[in-house]
Amino acid sequence: MKFFIDYWWLILAVLIFLGSFVTINQGFIGVVTMFGKYQRILRPGLRLKIPFIEQIYKKISIQNRSVELEFQAVTIDQANVYFKSMLLYSVQNEREDTIQKVAFKFISDKDLMQALVRTIEGNIRAFVATRKQSEILVLRRDIVEFVKEHVDVSLEEWGYHLQDLQINDITFDQAIIDSMSKVVASNNLKAAAENEGQALLITKTKAAEAEGNSIKIAAEAERQAAQLRGQGVALFREEVAKGMSQAASEMKQANLDTNVILFSMWVEAIKNFAEYGKGNVIFLDGSSDGMEKTMRQIMAMQQLAENK
């Protein structure tokens, strides 16, 4: 006890020395007040302050902070929409006036969070209230941009900045989900039927084109075959006429009757009928009048060949 009485001044000096230092962690900025009034800020590291007079009012985090939101909104056609989103925000910058706003705008972080969440929910509800439920799913990016545009103004007054807003999930009432599933299923069936019809049309069209081309090819082949057959018959007749003319000339030089040639041709024709008839019945006029008629026709053909 005597030691404390004798060396009270030394103890007081040690306390004053120790109270003159304060440590600010990385990622935080200290707000110093004197007699309850804002005085200055302290940046990360070991800092000096006036002991017992200057107080560390609050340590402001300048790191990014996130919060998850779940809330409900109503569309213009009275459909309930349920949102799940993630909000990422931070202090706007490290300037002294910005840190001062952050430190004194709200009593606690709980009040800040409540104001921030309600502001974002209000903006999303205002946007959704002007849209139909069928449009909401495709307007995810538009919702985020709308919220950023309107919320950033309020956050700047509080010293904060909205880094990102991610809408992770958008759902509806079960009845709406069931009806949307039916609509999707019916659209898929309709698309499948249309595709099947188009495929069938293409198949039939291609088949008709192939059949038409086949008919054209067959007709062209038949035409060429008929032409060749006609040319063959013409050449055959020409050769026959030349042969008969030559044979007749030789027989005349030998003082023989040319009718022998015609008779031999007639006999050869009957022989050919018998060899290659393959069981078919062929009726021939075997009378002398029939033979005479046939001979006159052959002689007429010979006369025609000689005139040529």
Protein backbone atom coordinates (compact mmCIF):
# COMPACT_ATOMS: atom_id res chain seq x y z
CA MET A 1 0.00 0.00 0.00
CA LYS A 2 2.87 2.28 0.82
CA PHE A 3 4.33 1.50 -2.62
CA PHE A 4 1.17 2.73 -4.39
CA ILE A 5 1.16 5.86 -2.24
CA ASP A 6 4.79 6.63 -2.85
CA TYR A 7 4.76 5.85 -6.56
CA TRP A 8 1.26 6.91 -7.55
CA TRP A 9 2.66 9.32 -10.07
CA LEU A 10 4.58 6.51 -11.78
CA ILE A 11 1.50 4.31 -11.93
CA LEU A 12 -0.50 7.22 -13.37
CA ALA A 13 2.20 7.84 -15.98
CA VAL A 14 2.13 4.18 -17.03
CA LEU A 15 -1.67 4.24 -17.32
CA ILE A 16 -1.54 7.42 -19.35
CA PHE A 17 1.15 5.95 -21.60
CA LEU A 18 -0.80 2.75 -22.17
CA GLY A 19 -4.03 4.63 -22.77
CA SER A 20 -2.39 6.74 -25.44
CA PHE A 21 -2.18 3.83 -27.88
CA VAL A 22 -4.95 2.06 -29.74
CA THR A 23 -4.84 -0.68 -32.44
CA ILE A 24 -7.12 -0.53 -35.48
CA ASN A 25 -7.37 -3.84 -37.34
CA GLN A 26 -6.94 -4.13 -41.10
CA GLY A 27 -10.27 -3.60 -42.89
CA PHE A 28 -11.60 -1.24 -40.23
CA ILE A 29 -11.47 2.51 -39.61
CA GLY A 30 -11.81 3.89 -36.10
CA VAL A 31 -14.09 6.84 -35.35
CA VAL A 32 -12.78 9.03 -32.48
CA THR A 33 -15.01 11.33 -30.41
CA MET A 34 -14.08 13.90 -27.78
CA PHE A 35 -16.66 14.75 -25.11
CA GLY A 36 -19.28 13.01 -27.29
CA LYS A 37 -18.49 15.01 -30.43
CA TYR A 38 -16.84 13.66 -33.58
CA GLN A 39 -13.13 14.41 -33.62
CA ARG A 40 -11.28 12.40 -36.29
CA ILE A 41 -10.74 8.94 -37.82
CA LEU A 42 -7.98 6.42 -37.21
CA ARG A 43 -6.77 4.18 -40.00
CA PRO A 44 -5.50 0.58 -39.55
CA GLY A 45 -2.40 0.10 -37.40
CA LEU A 46 -1.08 1.35 -34.02
CA ARG A 47 -2.41 4.86 -33.41
CA LEU A 48 -2.13 7.55 -30.73
CA LYS A 49 -5.03 9.23 -28.97
CA ILE A 50 -5.45 11.52 -25.98
CA PRO A 51 -5.98 9.18 -23.05
CA PHE A 52 -9.22 9.44 -21.05
CA ILE A 53 -10.42 12.28 -23.30
CA GLU A 54 -10.62 10.83 -26.82
CA GLN A 55 -12.80 7.73 -27.12
CA ILE A 56 -13.15 5.12 -29.87
CA TYR A 57 -16.82 5.58 -30.68
CA LYS A 58 -17.06 2.88 -33.32
CA LYS A 59 -14.91 0.80 -35.64
CA ILE A 60 -16.33 0.93 -39.17
CA SER A 61 -15.74 -2.08 -41.43
CA ILE A 62 -14.80 -1.14 -44.99
CA GLN A 63 -15.05 -4.75 -46.20
CA ASN A 64 -17.84 -6.10 -48.38
CA ARG A 65 -20.87 -7.36 -46.50
CA SER A 66 -23.68 -9.61 -47.71
CA VAL A 67 -27.19 -10.43 -46.60
CA GLU A 68 -29.82 -12.85 -47.91
CA LEU A 69 -33.35 -11.62 -48.55
CA GLU A 70 -36.62 -13.55 -48.82
CA PHE A 71 -39.83 -11.66 -49.51
CA GLN A 72 -43.05 -11.68 -51.50
CA ALA A 73 -44.41 -9.37 -54.19
CA VAL A 74 -47.69 -9.17 -56.12
CA THR A 75 -47.94 -8.67 -59.88
CA ILE A 76 -50.44 -6.49 -61.70
CA ASP A 77 -52.60 -9.56 -62.39
CA GLN A 78 -52.65 -10.45 -58.67
CA ALA A 79 -50.15 -13.32 -58.75
CA ASN A 80 -47.91 -13.90 -55.74
CA VAL A 81 -44.19 -13.96 -56.54
CA TYR A 82 -41.61 -15.18 -54.03
CA PHE A 83 -38.03 -13.91 -54.25
CA LYS A 84 -34.79 -15.21 -52.79
CA SER A 85 -31.87 -12.86 -53.33
CA MET A 86 -28.39 -12.00 -52.11
CA LEU A 87 -27.36 -8.42 -51.43
CA LEU A 88 -23.70 -7.35 -51.49
CA TYR A 89 -22.82 -3.87 -50.21
CA SER A 90 -19.91 -1.95 -48.67
CA VAL A 91 -18.85 1.46 -47.45
CA GLN A 92 -18.71 3.81 -50.41
CA ASN A 93 -15.08 4.92 -49.84
CA GLU A 94 -12.56 5.68 -47.07
CA ARG A 95 -12.97 9.45 -47.10
CA GLU A 96 -13.52 11.12 -43.74
CA ASP A 97 -16.94 12.57 -44.60
CA THR A 98 -18.13 9.17 -45.84
CA ILE A 99 -16.94 7.42 -42.65
CA GLN A 100 -18.67 10.12 -40.62
CA LYS A 101 -21.98 9.39 -42.43
CA VAL A 102 -21.62 5.67 -41.83
CA ALA A 103 -20.86 6.17 -38.13
CA PHE A 104 -23.69 8.54 -37.24
CA LYS A 105 -26.58 7.90 -39.70
CA PHE A 106 -27.83 4.83 -37.81
CA ILE A 107 -27.68 3.89 -34.16
CA SER A 108 -26.59 0.33 -34.91
CA ASP A 109 -25.96 -2.07 -37.77
CA LYS A 110 -29.34 -3.67 -37.07
CA ASP A 111 -31.11 -0.40 -37.92
CA LEU A 112 -29.01 -0.02 -41.06
CA MET A 113 -29.82 -3.54 -42.16
CA GLN A 114 -33.53 -3.07 -41.56
CA ALA A 115 -33.62 0.16 -43.60
CA LEU A 116 -31.54 -1.37 -46.40
CA VAL A 117 -33.64 -4.53 -46.67
CA ARG A 118 -36.94 -2.66 -46.58
CA THR A 119 -35.73 -0.19 -49.23
CA ILE A 120 -34.75 -2.98 -51.64
CA GLU A 121 -37.92 -4.94 -51.01
CA GLY A 122 -40.00 -1.83 -51.62
CA ASN A 123 -38.30 -1.12 -54.95
CA ILE A 124 -38.69 -4.69 -56.16
CA ARG A 125 -42.36 -4.75 -55.12
CA ALA A 126 -42.94 -1.46 -56.94
CA PHE A 127 -41.38 -2.89 -60.12
CA VAL A 128 -43.23 -6.22 -59.94
CA ALA A 129 -46.56 -4.46 -59.36
CA THR A 130 -46.35 -3.04 -62.91
CA ARG A 131 -45.74 -6.39 -64.62
CA LYS A 132 -47.71 -9.56 -65.31
CA GLN A 133 -46.70 -12.87 -63.78
CA SER A 134 -45.83 -14.27 -67.22
CA GLU A 135 -43.21 -11.52 -67.66
CA ILE A 136 -41.43 -11.80 -64.32
CA LEU A 137 -39.17 -14.75 -65.13
CA VAL A 138 -37.59 -13.00 -68.10
CA LEU A 139 -37.16 -9.66 -66.31
CA ARG A 140 -34.59 -10.77 -63.74
CA ARG A 141 -31.89 -8.46 -65.11
CA ASP A 142 -34.34 -5.56 -65.46
CA ILE A 143 -35.35 -5.93 -61.80
CA VAL A 144 -31.71 -5.79 -60.67
CA GLU A 145 -30.98 -2.71 -62.79
CA PHE A 146 -34.14 -0.98 -61.55
CA VAL A 147 -33.20 -1.61 -57.91
CA LYS A 148 -29.60 -0.44 -58.36
CA GLU A 149 -30.75 2.74 -60.07
CA HIS A 150 -33.14 3.71 -57.27
CA VAL A 151 -31.36 2.30 -54.20
CA ASP A 152 -27.91 3.73 -54.90
CA VAL A 153 -29.23 7.25 -54.29
CA SER A 154 -30.37 6.39 -50.77
CA LEU A 155 -27.25 4.38 -50.01
CA GLU A 156 -24.98 7.25 -51.03
CA GLU A 157 -26.69 9.44 -48.43
CA TRP A 158 -25.91 6.76 -45.84
CA GLY A 159 -22.29 6.38 -46.99
CA TYR A 160 -22.77 2.95 -48.58
CA HIS A 161 -22.67 1.54 -52.09
CA LEU A 162 -24.63 -1.39 -53.53
CA GLN A 163 -22.03 -3.72 -55.05
CA ASP A 164 -24.34 -6.40 -56.39
CA LEU A 165 -27.86 -7.76 -56.16
CA GLN A 166 -28.41 -11.36 -57.25
CA ILE A 167 -31.92 -12.75 -57.56
CA ASN A 168 -31.27 -16.44 -57.04
CA ASP A 169 -34.79 -17.82 -57.11
CA ILE A 170 -38.22 -16.67 -58.32
CA THR A 171 -41.21 -18.89 -57.54
CA PHE A 172 -44.99 -18.66 -57.69
CA ASP A 173 -47.93 -20.26 -55.94
CA GLN A 174 -48.31 -23.98 -56.62
CA ALA A 175 -51.47 -23.46 -58.69
CA ILE A 176 -49.62 -21.04 -60.98
CA ILE A 177 -46.64 -23.38 -61.28
CA ASP A 178 -48.97 -26.25 -62.27
CA SER A 179 -50.73 -24.12 -64.87
CA MET A 180 -47.39 -22.91 -66.28
CA SER A 181 -46.23 -26.53 -66.53
CA LYS A 182 -49.37 -27.40 -68.47
CA VAL A 183 -48.84 -24.47 -70.81
CA VAL A 184 -45.23 -25.53 -71.44
CA ALA A 185 -46.30 -29.14 -72.00
CA SER A 186 -49.03 -28.13 -74.46
CA ASN A 187 -46.61 -25.84 -76.33
CA ASN A 188 -44.12 -28.69 -76.56
CA LEU A 189 -46.82 -31.03 -77.91
CA LYS A 190 -47.84 -28.38 -80.42
CA ALA A 191 -44.24 -27.88 -81.54
CA ALA A 192 -43.75 -31.66 -81.79
CA ALA A 193 -46.91 -32.01 -83.91
CA GLU A 194 -45.80 -29.18 -86.19
CA ASN A 195 -42.34 -30.70 -86.56
CA GLU A 196 -43.84 -34.12 -87.26
CA GLY A 197 -46.15 -32.60 -89.88
CA GLN A 198 -43.26 -30.79 -91.51
CA ALA A 199 -41.19 -33.98 -91.50
CA LEU A 200 -44.07 -35.94 -93.05
CA LEU A 201 -44.58 -33.24 -95.68
CA ILE A 202 -40.89 -33.24 -96.54
CA THR A 203 -40.87 -37.05 -96.71
CA LYS A 204 -43.87 -37.17 -99.03
CA THR A 205 -42.52 -34.33 -101.14
CA LYS A 206 -39.16 -36.03 -101.54
CA ALA A 207 -40.88 -39.34 -102.31
CA ALA A 208 -43.04 -37.67 -104.96
CA GLU A 209 -39.99 -35.94 -106.44
CA ALA A 210 -38.11 -39.24 -106.49
CA GLU A 211 -41.05 -41.03 -108.13
CA GLY A 212 -41.38 -38.25 -110.70
CA ASN A 213 -37.67 -38.39 -111.46
CA SER A 214 -37.88 -42.17 -111.71
CA ILE A 215 -40.76 -41.90 -114.18
CA LYS A 216 -38.83 -39.30 -116.20
CA ILE A 217 -35.74 -41.49 -116.26
CA ALA A 218 -37.77 -44.57 -117.22
CA ALA A 219 -39.60 -42.66 -119.96
CA GLU A 220 -36.33 -41.30 -121.30
CA ALA A 221 -34.80 -44.77 -121.26
CA GLU A 222 -37.88 -46.19 -122.99
CA ARG A 223 -37.72 -43.45 -125.60
CA GLN A 224 -34.06 -44.14 -126.27
CA ALA A 225 -34.73 -47.91 -126.37
CA ALA A 226 -37.61 -47.44 -128.80
CA GLN A 227 -35.44 -45.20 -130.94
CA LEU A 228 -32.68 -47.78 -130.95
CA ARG A 229 -35.16 -50.54 -131.72
CA GLY A 230 -36.56 -48.50 -134.60
CA GLN A 231 -33.06 -47.85 -135.91
CA GLY A 232 -32.28 -51.55 -135.57
CA VAL A 233 -35.41 -52.54 -137.48
CA ALA A 234 -34.66 -49.97 -140.17
CA LEU A 235 -31.08 -51.21 -140.52
CA PHE A 236 -32.33 -54.80 -140.59
CA ARG A 237 -34.79 -54.03 -143.34
CA GLU A 238 -32.15 -52.12 -145.26
CA GLU A 239 -29.72 -55.03 -145.04
CA VAL A 240 -32.44 -57.49 -146.03
CA ALA A 241 -33.32 -55.37 -149.05
CA LYS A 242 -29.65 -55.11 -150.04
CA GLY A 243 -29.21 -58.86 -149.67
CA MET A 244 -32.29 -59.65 -151.70
CA SER A 245 -31.27 -57.21 -154.42
CA GLN A 246 -27.78 -58.69 -154.63
CA ALA A 247 -29.14 -62.27 -154.66
CA ALA A 248 -31.67 -61.38 -157.38
CA SER A 249 -28.96 -59.82 -159.53
CA GLU A 250 -26.79 -62.93 -159.24
CA MET A 251 -29.71 -65.20 -160.13
CA LYS A 252 -30.55 -63.08 -163.16
CA GLN A 253 -26.96 -63.37 -164.33
CA ALA A 254 -27.29 -67.16 -163.90
CA ASN A 255 -30.63 -67.17 -165.84
CA LEU A 256 -32.52 -68.43 -162.75
CA ASP A 257 -35.97 -67.45 -161.52
CA THR A 258 -35.78 -64.91 -158.70
CA ASN A 259 -38.94 -66.28 -157.14
CA VAL A 260 -36.81 -69.06 -155.72
CA ILE A 261 -35.33 -66.50 -153.32
CA LEU A 262 -38.73 -65.48 -152.09
CA PHE A 263 -39.76 -69.10 -151.65
CA SER A 264 -36.66 -69.87 -149.64
CA MET A 265 -37.30 -66.82 -147.40
CA TRP A 266 -40.82 -67.99 -146.79
CA VAL A 267 -39.60 -71.45 -145.84
CA GLU A 268 -36.94 -69.97 -143.53
CA ALA A 269 -39.60 -67.83 -141.85
CA ILE A 270 -41.78 -70.87 -141.13
CA LYS A 271 -38.74 -72.74 -139.83
CA ASN A 272 -37.88 -69.83 -137.52
CA PHE A 273 -41.42 -69.75 -136.19
CA ALA A 274 -41.19 -73.43 -135.34
CA GLU A 275 -37.75 -73.16 -133.63
CA TYR A 276 -38.34 -70.05 -131.52
CA GLY A 277 -42.07 -70.14 -130.96
CA LYS A 278 -41.59 -71.66 -127.43
CA GLY A 279 -44.94 -73.39 -127.45
CA ASN A 280 -46.94 -70.42 -128.69
CA VAL A 281 -49.63 -71.13 -131.27
CA ILE A 282 -49.02 -69.39 -134.61
CA PHE A 283 -51.64 -69.54 -137.33
CA LEU A 284 -50.37 -69.40 -140.94
CA ASP A 285 -52.32 -69.46 -144.15
CA GLY A 286 -50.87 -72.61 -145.76
CA SER A 287 -53.07 -72.51 -148.85
CA SER A 288 -51.74 -71.76 -152.32
CA ASP A 289 -53.64 -68.46 -152.33
CA GLY A 290 -52.05 -67.50 -149.02
CA MET A 291 -48.62 -68.35 -150.29
CA GLU A 292 -49.21 -66.43 -153.50
CA LYS A 293 -50.36 -63.38 -151.50
CA THR A 294 -47.27 -63.57 -149.32
CA MET A 295 -45.02 -63.90 -152.36
CA ARG A 296 -46.57 -60.79 -153.97
CA GLN A 297 -45.89 -58.81 -150.78
CA ILE A 298 -42.27 -59.94 -150.70
CA MET A 299 -41.83 -59.08 -154.39
CA ALA A 300 -43.27 -55.64 -153.72
CA MET A 301 -40.68 -55.12 -150.97
CA GLN A 302 -37.93 -56.23 -153.36
CA GLN A 303 -39.17 -53.87 -156.04
CA LEU A 304 -39.17 -51.01 -153.52
CA ALA A 305 -35.57 -51.79 -152.57
CA GLU A 306 -34.48 -51.84 -156.22
CA ASN A 307 -36.14 -48.47 -156.87
CA LYS A 308 -34.13 -46.97 -154.04
